């Protein structure tokens, strides 16, 4: 189980990432021609690269499914942390970027 401190750090990182990524999302990265390209570019901007961009996109869409099912952004970021070698900040950015690009209607669930 996650300690209260880890949860607090993750929640803070998710909130900070949401604020920062919202600013980035307003102006999509130059050269991004599709939502998928935008998502990959936003993740690259926080130091995350993917062996399989298709798998990354699929996982990005899974974030939306989880939000639609009622999970919080913090819960999803915890799952990302447990299944990857991303840092807390990168996991939070993954959730926020996926939400911003693929399902902005769920952005309010990230706060």
Protein backbone atom coordinates (compact mmCIF):
# COMPACT_ATOMS: atom_id res chain seq x y z
CA UNK A 1 0.00 0.00 0.00
CA UNK A 2 1.11 3.55 -0.57
CA UNK A 3 1.91 5.64 2.43
CA UNK A 4 0.09 8.90 3.06
CA UNK A 5 3.27 10.78 2.08
CA UNK A 6 3.50 9.03 -1.30
CA UNK A 7 -0.17 9.76 -1.94
CA UNK A 8 0.31 13.42 -0.99
CA UNK A 9 3.37 13.74 -3.23
CA UNK A 10 1.58 12.06 -6.13
CA UNK A 11 -1.52 14.22 -5.70
CA UNK A 12 0.64 17.35 -5.60
CA UNK A 13 2.57 16.25 -8.68
CA UNK A 14 -0.66 15.49 -10.52
CA UNK A 15 -2.05 18.93 -9.68
CA UNK A 16 1.16 20.68 -10.70
CA UNK A 17 1.33 18.67 -13.90
CA UNK A 18 -2.28 19.53 -14.69
CA UNK A 19 -1.52 23.23 -14.39
CA UNK A 20 1.67 23.03 -16.43
CA UNK A 21 0.28 20.77 -19.11
CA UNK A 22 -2.82 22.88 -19.55
CA UNK A 23 -0.54 25.67 -20.67
CA UNK A 24 1.23 23.33 -23.07
CA UNK A 25 -2.02 21.91 -24.41
CA UNK A 26 -3.25 25.33 -25.45
CA UNK A 27 -0.49 25.41 -28.02
CA UNK A 28 0.21 21.91 -29.31
CA UNK A 29 3.84 21.12 -30.04
CA UNK A 30 5.03 22.34 -33.43
CA UNK A 31 4.78 19.66 -36.05
CA UNK A 32 2.17 17.62 -34.18
CA UNK A 33 -0.32 16.67 -36.86
CA UNK A 34 -2.58 14.38 -34.87
CA UNK A 35 -3.68 13.87 -31.31
CA UNK A 36 -1.34 10.87 -31.07
CA UNK A 37 1.62 12.92 -32.29
CA UNK A 38 0.74 15.63 -29.78
CA UNK A 39 0.57 13.13 -26.92
CA UNK A 40 3.92 11.56 -27.83
CA UNK A 41 5.52 15.03 -28.20
CA UNK A 42 4.17 16.19 -24.83
CA UNK A 43 5.56 13.09 -23.14
CA UNK A 44 8.92 13.55 -24.85
CA UNK A 45 8.97 17.10 -23.45
CA UNK A 46 8.96 15.63 -19.91
CA UNK A 47 11.68 13.11 -20.75
CA UNK A 48 9.56 10.08 -21.59
CA UNK A 49 10.18 8.14 -24.77
CA UNK A 50 8.47 4.96 -25.89
CA UNK A 51 9.74 1.82 -27.59
CA UNK A 52 6.26 1.45 -29.03
CA UNK A 53 4.37 4.68 -29.71
CA UNK A 54 1.30 2.58 -30.54
CA UNK A 55 1.35 0.97 -27.09
CA UNK A 56 1.81 4.39 -25.48
CA UNK A 57 -1.21 5.72 -27.38
CA UNK A 58 -3.25 2.68 -26.38
CA UNK A 59 -2.31 3.21 -22.74
CA UNK A 60 -3.17 6.90 -23.08
CA UNK A 61 -6.65 5.90 -24.20
CA UNK A 62 -6.84 3.52 -21.23
CA UNK A 63 -6.45 6.55 -18.95
CA UNK A 64 -9.70 7.88 -20.41
CA UNK A 65 -11.46 4.56 -19.84
CA UNK A 66 -10.32 4.57 -16.22
CA UNK A 67 -11.52 8.15 -15.72
CA UNK A 68 -14.85 7.26 -17.34
CA UNK A 69 -15.16 4.39 -14.86
CA UNK A 70 -14.81 6.90 -12.00
CA UNK A 71 -11.17 6.48 -11.00
CA UNK A 72 -9.30 9.57 -9.89
CA UNK A 73 -6.25 10.89 -11.68
CA UNK A 74 -4.21 10.07 -8.58
CA UNK A 75 -5.37 6.44 -8.63
CA UNK A 76 -4.47 6.13 -12.30
CA UNK A 77 -1.07 7.75 -11.77
CA UNK A 78 -0.41 5.23 -8.97
CA UNK A 79 -1.16 2.42 -11.41
CA UNK A 80 1.20 3.95 -13.97
CA UNK A 81 3.91 4.21 -11.29
CA UNK A 82 3.46 0.58 -10.27
CA UNK A 83 3.63 -0.72 -13.84
CA UNK A 84 6.44 1.42 -15.27
CA UNK A 85 9.76 2.94 -14.36
CA UNK A 86 8.44 6.50 -14.69
CA UNK A 87 9.05 9.03 -11.95
CA UNK A 88 6.15 10.45 -9.98
CA UNK A 89 6.27 13.63 -12.06
CA UNK A 90 6.34 11.66 -15.33
CA UNK A 91 3.46 9.41 -14.26
CA UNK A 92 1.40 12.47 -13.36
CA UNK A 93 2.28 14.06 -16.71
CA UNK A 94 1.26 10.86 -18.50
CA UNK A 95 -2.20 10.98 -16.93
CA UNK A 96 -2.63 14.71 -17.49
CA UNK A 97 -1.34 14.62 -21.08
CA UNK A 98 -3.53 11.64 -21.98
CA UNK A 99 -6.55 13.38 -20.48
CA UNK A 100 -5.80 16.71 -22.17
CA UNK A 101 -5.29 15.12 -25.58
CA UNK A 102 -7.77 12.24 -25.63
CA UNK A 103 -10.55 13.06 -23.17
CA UNK A 104 -10.53 16.68 -22.01
CA UNK A 105 -14.10 16.24 -20.74
CA UNK A 106 -12.56 14.38 -17.75
CA UNK A 107 -10.01 17.08 -16.87
CA UNK A 108 -12.01 18.10 -13.80
CA UNK A 109 -11.31 14.65 -12.29
CA UNK A 110 -7.59 15.46 -12.14
CA UNK A 111 -7.82 18.25 -9.58
